[in-house]
Amino acid sequence: MNIKTKNSGFLALICCVFFILLSGLTLQAQASEQALTKETVRDLINKTFIVMQDNYIEPDVVQNLKAIILNRLELNKYSNLESLADYASVVGGDIRKISGDNHLSLYTVNSSEKITHFLSHKKAS
């Protein structure tokens, strides 16, 4: 299922990059040698979509995307995620595929790292 919008041409011009800042929860997840727990992945998904809702070029599609990703979580599609890098790759890839926005990327950043690239979009006047 692809979510298409009226502004798909404009979407192609915008690279949206979302950052998950590492917190105590995510550092704890990295330290574990086992797969991320379902609760940890759910928390990461919720944090991801909060950032998306605030920054994505088409915020009206975010809630539908979130529902689809949470449904995939309930179907245990993310039960083999072992790290934040796995989360960013797998869940980010699913979000990109479902949205049809090939410019959307999901990255992890250590809280001590300076974010050097954060793309924004102009609001319609």
Protein backbone atom coordinates (compact mmCIF):
# COMPACT_ATOMS: atom_id res chain seq x y z
CA MET A 1 0.00 0.00 0.00
CA ASN A 2 1.44 3.37 -0.99
CA ILE A 3 0.23 6.64 0.46
CA LYS A 4 0.26 9.21 -2.32
CA THR A 5 -0.34 12.89 -1.85
CA LYS A 6 -1.12 15.81 -4.13
CA ASN A 7 2.37 17.12 -3.56
CA SER A 8 4.27 13.98 -4.57
CA GLY A 9 6.33 16.02 -7.05
CA PHE A 10 7.32 18.37 -4.26
CA LEU A 11 8.08 15.42 -2.00
CA ALA A 12 10.63 14.21 -4.53
CA LEU A 13 12.54 17.47 -4.05
CA ILE A 14 12.61 17.27 -0.28
CA CYS A 15 14.90 14.92 1.60
CA CYS A 16 13.44 14.32 5.03
CA VAL A 17 15.84 13.05 7.64
CA PHE A 18 14.60 11.97 11.04
CA PHE A 19 16.89 11.49 14.01
CA ILE A 20 16.37 9.30 17.02
CA LEU A 21 18.47 10.74 19.82
CA LEU A 22 19.88 8.06 22.03
CA SER A 23 18.45 8.08 25.52
CA GLY A 24 18.92 5.81 28.50
CA LEU A 25 16.33 3.49 27.01
CA THR A 26 18.14 3.16 23.71
CA LEU A 27 21.56 2.82 25.35
CA GLN A 28 20.12 -0.01 27.43
CA ALA A 29 18.82 -1.62 24.25
CA GLN A 30 22.27 -1.45 22.66
CA ALA A 31 23.87 -3.12 25.66
CA SER A 32 21.60 -6.13 25.35
CA GLU A 33 22.83 -9.01 23.22
CA GLN A 34 19.26 -10.16 22.62
CA ALA A 35 16.70 -8.74 20.25
CA LEU A 36 15.10 -5.44 21.21
CA THR A 37 11.96 -6.07 23.23
CA LYS A 38 8.57 -5.36 21.74
CA GLU A 39 8.09 -2.60 24.32
CA THR A 40 11.40 -0.97 23.35
CA VAL A 41 10.51 -1.09 19.65
CA ARG A 42 7.04 0.34 20.39
CA ASP A 43 8.65 3.22 22.33
CA LEU A 44 11.08 3.88 19.46
CA ILE A 45 8.19 3.84 16.96
CA ASN A 46 6.22 6.32 19.07
CA LYS A 47 9.26 8.63 19.37
CA THR A 48 9.93 8.35 15.63
CA PHE A 49 6.39 9.35 14.74
CA ILE A 50 6.38 12.28 17.17
CA VAL A 51 9.40 13.66 15.29
CA MET A 52 7.74 12.85 11.97
CA GLN A 53 4.48 14.57 12.93
CA ASP A 54 6.40 17.73 13.77
CA ASN A 55 8.73 17.74 10.75
CA TYR A 56 7.45 15.67 7.83
CA ILE A 57 6.42 17.54 4.68
CA GLU A 58 3.00 15.83 4.68
CA PRO A 59 2.03 15.56 8.37
CA ASP A 60 -1.50 14.39 7.51
CA VAL A 61 -0.16 10.96 6.40
CA VAL A 62 1.84 10.35 9.59
CA GLN A 63 -0.95 8.82 11.72
CA ASN A 64 -1.83 6.29 9.02
CA LEU A 65 1.84 5.35 8.63
CA LYS A 66 2.15 4.96 12.39
CA ALA A 67 -0.89 2.68 12.53
CA ILE A 68 0.55 0.47 9.79
CA ILE A 69 3.96 0.23 11.48
CA LEU A 70 2.38 -0.52 14.89
CA ASN A 71 0.27 -3.23 13.22
CA ARG A 72 3.47 -4.75 11.78
CA LEU A 73 4.91 -4.69 15.31
CA GLU A 74 1.88 -6.59 16.62
CA LEU A 75 2.38 -9.15 13.82
CA ASN A 76 5.94 -9.64 15.15
CA LYS A 77 7.57 -8.27 11.98
CA TYR A 78 10.17 -6.53 14.15
CA SER A 79 10.96 -9.37 16.58
CA ASN A 80 14.47 -9.91 15.18
CA LEU A 81 15.74 -6.35 15.64
CA GLU A 82 18.93 -6.47 17.71
CA SER A 83 20.16 -2.87 17.63
CA LEU A 84 19.21 0.71 16.88
CA ALA A 85 20.94 0.33 13.52
CA ASP A 86 18.62 -2.62 12.76
CA TYR A 87 15.64 -0.52 13.83
CA ALA A 88 16.66 2.42 11.63
CA SER A 89 17.28 0.15 8.66
CA VAL A 90 14.24 -2.13 8.90
CA VAL A 91 11.57 0.22 10.27
CA GLY A 92 12.95 3.15 8.26
CA GLY A 93 12.82 1.00 5.13
CA ASP A 94 9.23 0.02 5.86
CA ILE A 95 8.21 3.65 6.39
CA ARG A 96 9.94 4.63 3.13
CA LYS A 97 8.27 1.77 1.21
CA ILE A 98 4.78 2.34 2.63
CA SER A 99 4.91 6.12 2.17
CA GLY A 100 6.37 5.88 -1.33
CA ASP A 101 8.83 8.63 -0.32
CA ASN A 102 12.25 7.36 -1.41
CA HIS A 103 13.93 10.41 0.11
CA LEU A 104 12.85 9.62 3.65
CA SER A 105 15.60 8.20 5.87
CA LEU A 106 15.82 7.18 9.50
CA TYR A 107 19.15 7.54 11.32
CA THR A 108 20.46 7.14 14.83
CA VAL A 109 22.67 9.76 16.42
CA ASN A 110 24.50 9.68 19.75
CA SER A 111 23.36 12.43 22.07
CA SER A 112 26.96 13.70 22.22
CA GLU A 113 27.13 14.14 18.43
CA LYS A 114 26.24 17.45 16.84
CA ILE A 115 23.51 17.17 14.22
CA THR A 116 24.95 18.81 11.13
CA HIS A 117 22.15 18.33 8.60
CA PHE A 118 18.49 18.87 9.33
CA LEU A 119 16.39 19.69 6.33
CA SER A 120 13.31 21.82 6.68
CA HIS A 121 10.52 22.74 4.32
CA LYS A 122 8.76 25.98 3.63
CA LYS A 123 5.23 26.30 4.92
CA ALA A 124 2.59 27.11 2.32
CA SER A 125 1.60 30.77 2.41
